[in-house]
């Protein structure tokens, strides 16, 4: 009797979240990231000009964005952009590698995304910053995307997305970090700095002193 084995290979796509108007950041990404990985840009929602629907605003009814030095609408746009990518992952049955357009490669490590997604996880952050917020470089599985959508529909976006992702309930999410920092992000004081589309004018940190 002949046996046939069917192996379902889950797709993996790499997305770089970027405002369409920020060609300077996209040029930077192309010069910096394309040397290692194939990706496509995901047009981020510009919360400062976007008209949020009543249904979308329900996701932010408990938000505390006003407690930071940020434009609340810009942060809403960032959260909703990630939310739309999670929906895309579920709809297209594809695992996602998500970068923001201010990501900086900080290690010589080359990642094989397909191999990484053979492991069982919901989210995998590409840094070791467990006590520091980050959403600029992470992997999300299809199952993880489903859980994220369900979670934020239930509790909404409360803190800035970095913190919301970092503080996901451990009994519901299998989230993990790298042992080392493989990616960083622009510093307001660093060499690579194209300005922020989220911070309020005149501020270099989102934290109010």
C-alpha atoms as a PDB file:
ATOM      1  CA  UNK A   1       0.000   0.000   0.000  1.00  0.00           C
ATOM      2  CA  UNK A   2       1.456   3.312  -1.018  1.00  0.00           C
ATOM      3  CA  UNK A   3       1.475   6.085   1.516  1.00  0.00           C
ATOM      4  CA  UNK A   4       1.322   9.692   0.472  1.00  0.00           C
ATOM      5  CA  UNK A   5       2.441  12.463   2.714  1.00  0.00           C
ATOM      6  CA  UNK A   6       1.109  15.977   2.324  1.00  0.00           C
ATOM      7  CA  UNK A   7       3.078  18.777   3.915  1.00  0.00           C
ATOM      8  CA  UNK A   8       1.415  22.151   4.204  1.00  0.00           C
ATOM      9  CA  UNK A   9       4.022  24.846   3.761  1.00  0.00           C
ATOM     10  CA  UNK A  10       2.886  28.083   5.341  1.00  0.00           C
ATOM     11  CA  UNK A  11       3.779  31.199   3.442  1.00  0.00           C
ATOM     12  CA  UNK A  12       6.021  33.849   4.946  1.00  0.00           C
ATOM     13  CA  UNK A  13       5.950  37.484   3.899  1.00  0.00           C
ATOM     14  CA  UNK A  14       8.116  40.346   5.115  1.00  0.00           C
ATOM     15  CA  UNK A  15       6.377  43.706   5.489  1.00  0.00           C
ATOM     16  CA  UNK A  16       7.932  47.077   6.259  1.00  0.00           C
ATOM     17  CA  UNK A  17       5.400  49.446   7.778  1.00  0.00           C
ATOM     18  CA  UNK A  18       5.891  52.924   6.344  1.00  0.00           C
ATOM     19  CA  UNK A  19       3.873  56.032   5.593  1.00  0.00           C
ATOM     20  CA  UNK A  20       3.609  56.379   1.837  1.00  0.00           C
ATOM     21  CA  UNK A  21       4.677  60.030   2.060  1.00  0.00           C
ATOM     22  CA  UNK A  22       7.952  59.192   3.817  1.00  0.00           C
ATOM     23  CA  UNK A  23      10.061  58.394   0.779  1.00  0.00           C
ATOM     24  CA  UNK A  24      13.183  59.352   2.739  1.00  0.00           C
ATOM     25  CA  UNK A  25      12.563  56.515   5.168  1.00  0.00           C
ATOM     26  CA  UNK A  26      11.751  54.113   2.351  1.00  0.00           C
ATOM     27  CA  UNK A  27      14.991  55.015   0.595  1.00  0.00           C
ATOM     28  CA  UNK A  28      16.847  54.373   3.835  1.00  0.00           C
ATOM     29  CA  UNK A  29      15.159  50.981   4.220  1.00  0.00           C
ATOM     30  CA  UNK A  30      15.984  49.999   0.645  1.00  0.00           C
ATOM     31  CA  UNK A  31      19.639  50.921   1.148  1.00  0.00           C
ATOM     32  CA  UNK A  32      19.880  49.237   4.516  1.00  0.00           C
ATOM     33  CA  UNK A  33      17.592  46.209   4.638  1.00  0.00           C
ATOM     34  CA  UNK A  34      17.374  45.027   1.039  1.00  0.00           C
ATOM     35  CA  UNK A  35      20.943  43.766   1.162  1.00  0.00           C
ATOM     36  CA  UNK A  36      19.672  40.853   3.289  1.00  0.00           C
ATOM     37  CA  UNK A  37      15.944  40.359   2.936  1.00  0.00           C
ATOM     38  CA  UNK A  38      13.145  40.536   0.413  1.00  0.00           C
ATOM     39  CA  UNK A  39      10.175  42.589   1.560  1.00  0.00           C
ATOM     40  CA  UNK A  40       7.366  44.840   0.452  1.00  0.00           C
ATOM     41  CA  UNK A  41       6.225  48.102   1.998  1.00  0.00           C
ATOM     42  CA  UNK A  42       2.919  48.191   3.801  1.00  0.00           C
ATOM     43  CA  UNK A  43       1.345  51.633   3.524  1.00  0.00           C
ATOM     44  CA  UNK A  44       0.797  52.790   7.088  1.00  0.00           C
ATOM     45  CA  UNK A  45      -2.344  54.691   8.068  1.00  0.00           C
ATOM     46  CA  UNK A  46      -1.605  58.364   8.683  1.00  0.00           C
ATOM     47  CA  UNK A  47      -3.758  58.907  11.735  1.00  0.00           C
ATOM     48  CA  UNK A  48      -3.388  62.684  11.491  1.00  0.00           C
ATOM     49  CA  UNK A  49      -5.399  62.751   8.260  1.00  0.00           C
ATOM     50  CA  UNK A  50      -7.303  59.451   8.335  1.00  0.00           C
ATOM     51  CA  UNK A  51     -11.010  59.434   9.151  1.00  0.00           C
ATOM     52  CA  UNK A  52     -11.528  56.646  11.675  1.00  0.00           C
ATOM     53  CA  UNK A  53     -14.852  54.864  11.481  1.00  0.00           C
ATOM     54  CA  UNK A  54     -17.018  54.417  14.603  1.00  0.00           C
ATOM     55  CA  UNK A  55     -16.176  50.716  14.527  1.00  0.00           C
ATOM     56  CA  UNK A  56     -12.446  51.450  14.418  1.00  0.00           C
ATOM     57  CA  UNK A  57     -12.734  53.991  17.230  1.00  0.00           C
ATOM     58  CA  UNK A  58     -14.188  51.267  19.475  1.00  0.00           C
ATOM     59  CA  UNK A  59     -10.702  49.742  19.518  1.00  0.00           C
ATOM     60  CA  UNK A  60      -9.408  52.885  21.258  1.00  0.00           C
ATOM     61  CA  UNK A  61     -12.168  53.672  23.760  1.00  0.00           C
ATOM     62  CA  UNK A  62      -9.851  52.852  26.688  1.00  0.00           C
ATOM     63  CA  UNK A  63      -6.649  54.277  25.219  1.00  0.00           C
ATOM     64  CA  UNK A  64      -4.235  56.316  27.301  1.00  0.00           C
ATOM     65  CA  UNK A  65      -2.268  57.792  24.404  1.00  0.00           C
ATOM     66  CA  UNK A  66      -2.905  61.309  25.735  1.00  0.00           C
ATOM     67  CA  UNK A  67      -0.612  60.564  28.675  1.00  0.00           C
ATOM     68  CA  UNK A  68       2.411  60.589  26.347  1.00  0.00           C
ATOM     69  CA  UNK A  69       4.159  63.245  24.269  1.00  0.00           C
ATOM     70  CA  UNK A  70       2.519  61.903  21.118  1.00  0.00           C
ATOM     71  CA  UNK A  71      -0.258  62.699  18.710  1.00  0.00           C
ATOM     72  CA  UNK A  72      -3.066  60.339  19.805  1.00  0.00           C
ATOM     73  CA  UNK A  73      -4.386  60.084  16.248  1.00  0.00           C
ATOM     74  CA  UNK A  74      -0.926  59.204  14.914  1.00  0.00           C
ATOM     75  CA  UNK A  75      -0.621  56.421  17.490  1.00  0.00           C
ATOM     76  CA  UNK A  76      -4.096  55.181  16.579  1.00  0.00           C
ATOM     77  CA  UNK A  77      -2.933  55.015  12.971  1.00  0.00           C
ATOM     78  CA  UNK A  78       0.093  52.962  13.967  1.00  0.00           C
ATOM     79  CA  UNK A  79      -2.008  50.522  15.999  1.00  0.00           C
ATOM     80  CA  UNK A  80      -4.615  50.151  13.277  1.00  0.00           C
ATOM     81  CA  UNK A  81      -1.897  49.601  10.660  1.00  0.00           C
ATOM     82  CA  UNK A  82      -0.559  46.640  12.628  1.00  0.00           C
ATOM     83  CA  UNK A  83      -4.112  45.407  13.177  1.00  0.00           C
ATOM     84  CA  UNK A  84      -4.707  45.462   9.392  1.00  0.00           C
ATOM     85  CA  UNK A  85      -1.524  43.463   8.846  1.00  0.00           C
ATOM     86  CA  UNK A  86      -2.731  40.847  11.327  1.00  0.00           C
ATOM     87  CA  UNK A  87      -6.001  40.664   9.416  1.00  0.00           C
ATOM     88  CA  UNK A  88      -4.019  40.233   6.202  1.00  0.00           C
ATOM     89  CA  UNK A  89      -2.060  37.370   7.770  1.00  0.00           C
ATOM     90  CA  UNK A  90      -5.252  35.541   8.713  1.00  0.00           C
ATOM     91  CA  UNK A  91      -7.053  36.195   5.439  1.00  0.00           C
ATOM     92  CA  UNK A  92      -4.102  35.053   3.339  1.00  0.00           C
ATOM     93  CA  UNK A  93      -2.928  32.301   5.693  1.00  0.00           C
ATOM     94  CA  UNK A  94       0.575  33.723   5.768  1.00  0.00           C
ATOM     95  CA  UNK A  95       3.048  34.246   8.588  1.00  0.00           C
ATOM     96  CA  UNK A  96       4.429  37.758   8.770  1.00  0.00           C
ATOM     97  CA  UNK A  97       7.769  39.354   9.563  1.00  0.00           C
ATOM     98  CA  UNK A  98       7.022  42.970  10.461  1.00  0.00           C
ATOM     99  CA  UNK A  99       9.529  45.806  10.476  1.00  0.00           C
ATOM    100  CA  UNK A 100       9.039  49.516  10.906  1.00  0.00           C
ATOM    101  CA  UNK A 101      10.841  51.803   8.482  1.00  0.00           C
ATOM    102  CA  UNK A 102      13.241  53.049  11.163  1.00  0.00           C
ATOM    103  CA  UNK A 103      14.719  49.627  11.853  1.00  0.00           C
ATOM    104  CA  UNK A 104      18.505  49.295  12.025  1.00  0.00           C
ATOM    105  CA  UNK A 105      20.391  46.012  11.622  1.00  0.00           C
ATOM    106  CA  UNK A 106      22.654  45.693  14.662  1.00  0.00           C
ATOM    107  CA  UNK A 107      24.123  42.216  14.233  1.00  0.00           C
ATOM    108  CA  UNK A 108      25.676  40.083  11.469  1.00  0.00           C
ATOM    109  CA  UNK A 109      23.004  37.416  11.955  1.00  0.00           C
ATOM    110  CA  UNK A 110      21.043  36.329   8.881  1.00  0.00           C
ATOM    111  CA  UNK A 111      17.628  34.868   9.578  1.00  0.00           C
ATOM    112  CA  UNK A 112      15.876  32.099   7.715  1.00  0.00           C
ATOM    113  CA  UNK A 113      12.267  33.077   8.271  1.00  0.00           C
ATOM    114  CA  UNK A 114      10.803  29.842   6.951  1.00  0.00           C
ATOM    115  CA  UNK A 115      12.892  27.809   9.391  1.00  0.00           C
ATOM    116  CA  UNK A 116      11.948  30.067  12.300  1.00  0.00           C
ATOM    117  CA  UNK A 117       8.246  29.675  11.633  1.00  0.00           C
ATOM    118  CA  UNK A 118       8.560  25.909  11.939  1.00  0.00           C
ATOM    119  CA  UNK A 119       8.615  26.530  15.697  1.00  0.00           C
ATOM    120  CA  UNK A 120       5.417  26.956  17.663  1.00  0.00           C
ATOM    121  CA  UNK A 121       4.967  30.576  18.742  1.00  0.00           C
ATOM    122  CA  UNK A 122       2.505  33.437  18.441  1.00  0.00           C
ATOM    123  CA  UNK A 123       4.984  36.300  18.445  1.00  0.00           C
ATOM    124  CA  UNK A 124       8.741  36.359  18.252  1.00  0.00           C
ATOM    125  CA  UNK A 125      10.523  39.649  18.908  1.00  0.00           C
ATOM    126  CA  UNK A 126      13.854  40.058  17.141  1.00  0.00           C
ATOM    127  CA  UNK A 127      15.484  41.684  20.169  1.00  0.00           C
ATOM    128  CA  UNK A 128      16.201  40.632  23.743  1.00  0.00           C
ATOM    129  CA  UNK A 129      14.489  43.692  25.188  1.00  0.00           C
ATOM    130  CA  UNK A 130      11.950  41.906  27.348  1.00  0.00           C
ATOM    131  CA  UNK A 131      11.586  44.853  29.709  1.00  0.00           C
ATOM    132  CA  UNK A 132      11.662  47.481  26.988  1.00  0.00           C
ATOM    133  CA  UNK A 133       8.850  48.133  24.577  1.00  0.00           C
ATOM    134  CA  UNK A 134       9.336  47.415  20.899  1.00  0.00           C
ATOM    135  CA  UNK A 135       7.178  46.612  17.901  1.00  0.00           C
ATOM    136  CA  UNK A 136       9.669  47.616  15.216  1.00  0.00           C
ATOM    137  CA  UNK A 137      10.860  44.080  14.449  1.00  0.00           C
ATOM    138  CA  UNK A 138       8.777  41.028  15.211  1.00  0.00           C
ATOM    139  CA  UNK A 139       7.356  37.844  13.741  1.00  0.00           C
ATOM    140  CA  UNK A 140       3.701  36.910  14.042  1.00  0.00           C
ATOM    141  CA  UNK A 141       2.275  33.537  13.094  1.00  0.00           C
ATOM    142  CA  UNK A 142      -1.173  33.127  11.586  1.00  0.00           C
ATOM    143  CA  UNK A 143      -2.433  31.730  14.881  1.00  0.00           C
ATOM    144  CA  UNK A 144      -0.772  34.599  16.722  1.00  0.00           C
ATOM    145  CA  UNK A 145      -2.496  37.104  14.422  1.00  0.00           C
ATOM    146  CA  UNK A 146      -5.857  35.487  15.176  1.00  0.00           C
ATOM    147  CA  UNK A 147      -5.181  35.782  18.903  1.00  0.00           C
ATOM    148  CA  UNK A 148      -4.089  39.424  18.594  1.00  0.00           C
ATOM    149  CA  UNK A 149      -7.238  40.377  16.709  1.00  0.00           C
ATOM    150  CA  UNK A 150      -9.416  38.650  19.309  1.00  0.00           C
ATOM    151  CA  UNK A 151      -7.475  40.174  22.208  1.00  0.00           C
ATOM    152  CA  UNK A 152      -7.646  43.767  21.000  1.00  0.00           C
ATOM    153  CA  UNK A 153     -11.284  43.445  20.051  1.00  0.00           C
ATOM    154  CA  UNK A 154     -11.937  42.426  23.640  1.00  0.00           C
ATOM    155  CA  UNK A 155      -9.731  44.880  25.549  1.00  0.00           C
ATOM    156  CA  UNK A 156      -8.851  47.502  22.944  1.00  0.00           C
ATOM    157  CA  UNK A 157      -5.561  49.320  22.497  1.00  0.00           C
ATOM    158  CA  UNK A 158      -4.748  50.909  25.851  1.00  0.00           C
ATOM    159  CA  UNK A 159      -1.064  51.782  25.998  1.00  0.00           C
ATOM    160  CA  UNK A 160       1.197  52.544  23.047  1.00  0.00           C
ATOM    161  CA  UNK A 161       1.425  49.425  20.902  1.00  0.00           C
ATOM    162  CA  UNK A 162       4.972  48.569  21.985  1.00  0.00           C
ATOM    163  CA  UNK A 163       3.828  48.227  25.580  1.00  0.00           C
ATOM    164  CA  UNK A 164       0.569  46.505  24.723  1.00  0.00           C
ATOM    165  CA  UNK A 165       2.480  43.807  22.830  1.00  0.00           C
ATOM    166  CA  UNK A 166       5.123  43.483  25.519  1.00  0.00           C
ATOM    167  CA  UNK A 167       2.475  43.019  28.212  1.00  0.00           C
ATOM    168  CA  UNK A 168       0.243  40.484  26.478  1.00  0.00           C
ATOM    169  CA  UNK A 169      -1.131  37.925  28.968  1.00  0.00           C
ATOM    170  CA  UNK A 170       1.414  35.121  29.239  1.00  0.00           C
ATOM    171  CA  UNK A 171      -1.270  32.493  29.800  1.00  0.00           C
ATOM    172  CA  UNK A 172      -2.808  33.283  26.407  1.00  0.00           C
ATOM    173  CA  UNK A 173       0.150  34.169  24.196  1.00  0.00           C
ATOM    174  CA  UNK A 174       3.324  32.275  23.397  1.00  0.00           C
ATOM    175  CA  UNK A 175       5.614  35.261  22.909  1.00  0.00           C
ATOM    176  CA  UNK A 176       9.400  35.020  22.940  1.00  0.00           C
ATOM    177  CA  UNK A 177      12.509  37.087  22.386  1.00  0.00           C
ATOM    178  CA  UNK A 178      15.904  36.607  20.823  1.00  0.00           C
ATOM    179  CA  UNK A 179      18.894  36.142  23.125  1.00  0.00           C
ATOM    180  CA  UNK A 180      20.629  39.104  21.502  1.00  0.00           C
ATOM    181  CA  UNK A 181      19.609  42.396  19.927  1.00  0.00           C
ATOM    182  CA  UNK A 182      19.633  41.890  16.164  1.00  0.00           C
ATOM    183  CA  UNK A 183      17.710  45.017  15.278  1.00  0.00           C
ATOM    184  CA  UNK A 184      17.481  48.505  16.702  1.00  0.00           C
ATOM    185  CA  UNK A 185      15.684  51.687  15.817  1.00  0.00           C
ATOM    186  CA  UNK A 186      16.499  55.332  15.197  1.00  0.00           C
ATOM    187  CA  UNK A 187      17.550  57.384  18.175  1.00  0.00           C
ATOM    188  CA  UNK A 188      16.532  61.060  18.312  1.00  0.00           C
ATOM    189  CA  UNK A 189      20.192  61.745  19.083  1.00  0.00           C
ATOM    190  CA  UNK A 190      21.758  59.228  16.713  1.00  0.00           C
ATOM    191  CA  UNK A 191      23.307  59.322  13.254  1.00  0.00           C
ATOM    192  CA  UNK A 192      20.212  57.878  11.601  1.00  0.00           C
ATOM    193  CA  UNK A 193      17.298  60.117  12.438  1.00  0.00           C
ATOM    194  CA  UNK A 194      14.568  61.098  10.008  1.00  0.00           C
ATOM    195  CA  UNK A 195      12.299  62.643  12.596  1.00  0.00           C
ATOM    196  CA  UNK A 196       9.165  61.188  14.158  1.00  0.00           C
ATOM    197  CA  UNK A 197       5.644  61.192  12.751  1.00  0.00           C
ATOM    198  CA  UNK A 198       4.231  60.310  16.162  1.00  0.00           C
ATOM    199  CA  UNK A 199       5.951  62.573  18.705  1.00  0.00           C
ATOM    200  CA  UNK A 200       4.565  65.999  19.452  1.00  0.00           C
ATOM    201  CA  UNK A 201       6.614  68.857  18.034  1.00  0.00           C
ATOM    202  CA  UNK A 202       9.589  69.785  20.173  1.00  0.00           C
ATOM    203  CA  UNK A 203       9.815  66.431  21.961  1.00  0.00           C
ATOM    204  CA  UNK A 204      12.453  63.720  21.563  1.00  0.00           C
ATOM    205  CA  UNK A 205      10.820  61.178  23.850  1.00  0.00           C
ATOM    206  CA  UNK A 206       7.262  59.896  24.144  1.00  0.00           C
ATOM    207  CA  UNK A 207       7.573  59.761  27.942  1.00  0.00           C
ATOM    208  CA  UNK A 208       6.342  62.819  29.791  1.00  0.00           C
ATOM    209  CA  UNK A 209       8.802  63.995  32.435  1.00  0.00           C
END
